[in-house]
Protein backbone atom coordinates (compact mmCIF):
# COMPACT_ATOMS: atom_id res chain seq x y z
CA MET A 1 -0.22 -1.06 -10.84
CA PRO A 2 2.23 1.71 -9.88
CA ILE A 3 1.44 4.02 -6.98
CA ASN A 4 3.07 7.19 -5.71
CA VAL A 5 3.38 7.81 -1.98
CA GLY A 6 5.38 10.70 -0.60
CA GLY A 7 6.88 11.43 -4.01
CA VAL A 8 8.24 7.88 -4.38
CA ASP A 9 6.97 5.51 -7.08
CA PHE A 10 6.22 1.95 -5.97
CA ASP A 11 4.87 -1.11 -7.72
CA TYR A 12 3.45 -4.27 -6.18
CA ALA A 13 2.06 -7.72 -6.90
CA GLU A 14 -0.05 -10.27 -5.06
CA MET A 15 1.95 -13.28 -3.89
CA GLU A 16 0.73 -16.77 -3.09
CA PHE A 17 2.27 -18.64 -0.15
CA GLY A 18 0.36 -21.90 -0.07
CA ARG A 19 -3.18 -21.08 0.98
CA ASN A 20 -2.22 -17.71 2.43
CA ARG A 21 -1.57 -14.56 0.45
CA GLY A 22 0.97 -11.83 0.61
CA ILE A 23 2.44 -8.98 -1.33
CA ARG A 24 5.66 -8.12 -3.11
CA ILE A 25 6.41 -4.41 -3.22
CA TRP A 26 9.34 -2.50 -4.67
CA VAL A 27 10.55 1.00 -5.42
CA GLU A 28 10.40 1.64 -9.14
CA ARG A 29 13.71 2.16 -10.92
CA GLN A 30 15.68 1.10 -7.84
CA ALA A 31 17.60 -2.17 -8.11
CA ASN A 32 17.19 -4.77 -5.35
CA SER A 33 14.46 -2.79 -3.62
CA ASP A 34 11.80 -5.49 -3.46
CA ARG A 35 10.33 -6.88 -0.25
CA GLU A 36 7.85 -9.71 0.27
CA TYR A 37 5.41 -10.02 3.15
CA LYS A 38 2.92 -12.66 4.15
CA LEU A 39 -0.30 -11.21 5.59
CA ARG A 40 -2.00 -12.31 8.81
CA PRO A 41 -4.85 -12.93 9.15
CA ASP A 42 -5.41 -14.65 5.84
CA PRO A 43 -7.46 -12.30 3.62
CA HIS A 44 -9.40 -15.33 2.33
CA ASP A 45 -11.16 -15.36 5.70
CA TYR A 46 -12.98 -12.15 4.70
CA ARG A 47 -16.09 -12.44 2.59
CA LYS A 48 -15.58 -9.01 1.04
CA TYR A 49 -12.08 -9.98 -0.17
CA ASN A 50 -13.56 -12.97 -1.95
CA LYS A 51 -16.16 -10.83 -3.76
CA ASN A 52 -13.78 -9.62 -6.50
CA LYS A 53 -12.23 -7.01 -4.21
CA GLN A 54 -8.67 -8.38 -4.37
CA PRO A 55 -7.31 -5.53 -6.55
CA GLN A 56 -8.57 -2.90 -4.12
CA PHE A 57 -7.27 -4.90 -1.16
CA TYR A 58 -3.72 -5.13 -2.55
CA LEU A 59 -3.77 -1.47 -3.53
CA GLU A 60 -4.62 -0.52 0.06
CA VAL A 61 -2.00 -2.90 1.46
CA ALA A 62 0.65 -1.46 -0.89
CA GLN A 63 -0.29 2.11 0.06
CA ALA A 64 -0.04 1.28 3.77
CA ILE A 65 3.36 -0.39 3.37
CA ALA A 66 4.60 2.50 1.23
CA ARG A 67 3.55 5.00 3.93
CA GLU A 68 5.46 2.96 6.52
CA TYR A 69 8.48 2.95 4.18
CA ILE A 70 8.41 6.74 3.81
CA GLN A 71 7.87 7.32 7.55
CA GLY A 72 10.68 4.86 8.34
CA ASN A 73 13.31 6.89 6.47
CA ARG A 74 12.96 4.73 3.38
CA GLN A 75 13.34 1.45 5.20
CA TRP A 76 10.84 -1.37 4.74
CA PRO A 77 8.67 -1.98 7.79
CA PRO A 78 9.95 -4.89 9.87
CA PRO A 79 7.98 -8.12 10.31
CA GLY A 80 5.40 -7.68 13.01
CA THR A 81 4.31 -4.26 11.75
CA THR A 82 0.54 -3.84 11.75
CA ILE A 83 -1.24 -2.00 8.94
CA TYR A 84 -4.87 -0.96 8.57
CA VAL A 85 -6.80 -1.96 5.43
CA PRO A 86 -9.93 0.22 5.04
CA LEU A 87 -11.66 -2.13 2.56
CA LEU A 88 -11.92 -4.84 5.20
CA ALA A 89 -11.97 -2.43 8.16
CA ASP A 90 -9.32 -4.50 9.91
CA TYR A 91 -5.64 -4.66 10.78
CA PHE A 92 -3.15 -7.01 9.17
CA THR A 93 0.29 -8.01 10.39
CA LEU A 94 3.21 -8.12 7.99
CA GLU A 95 5.17 -11.35 8.36
CA ASP A 96 8.31 -12.69 6.75
CA ARG A 97 7.64 -14.82 3.74
């Protein structure tokens, strides 16, 4: 589902890395702009995530990463960056895939 943050269009998809989950995000209409992150802690550890809230969770994760991208002069946030996800009222760390 495309999103717009800071005038830039992004798209994203949930990724599966074994048991853990992550996200792939990219700038629309920009070649080779995709980035994949694994999320820590594992969102499966949250009851609310497992109650059919995955679409909202990944939307909020994508929005947070996109904000970091815009604030970082259009550079993807480095591994180790922490983002806040309101749905789960917790922080998640972006890790390399």
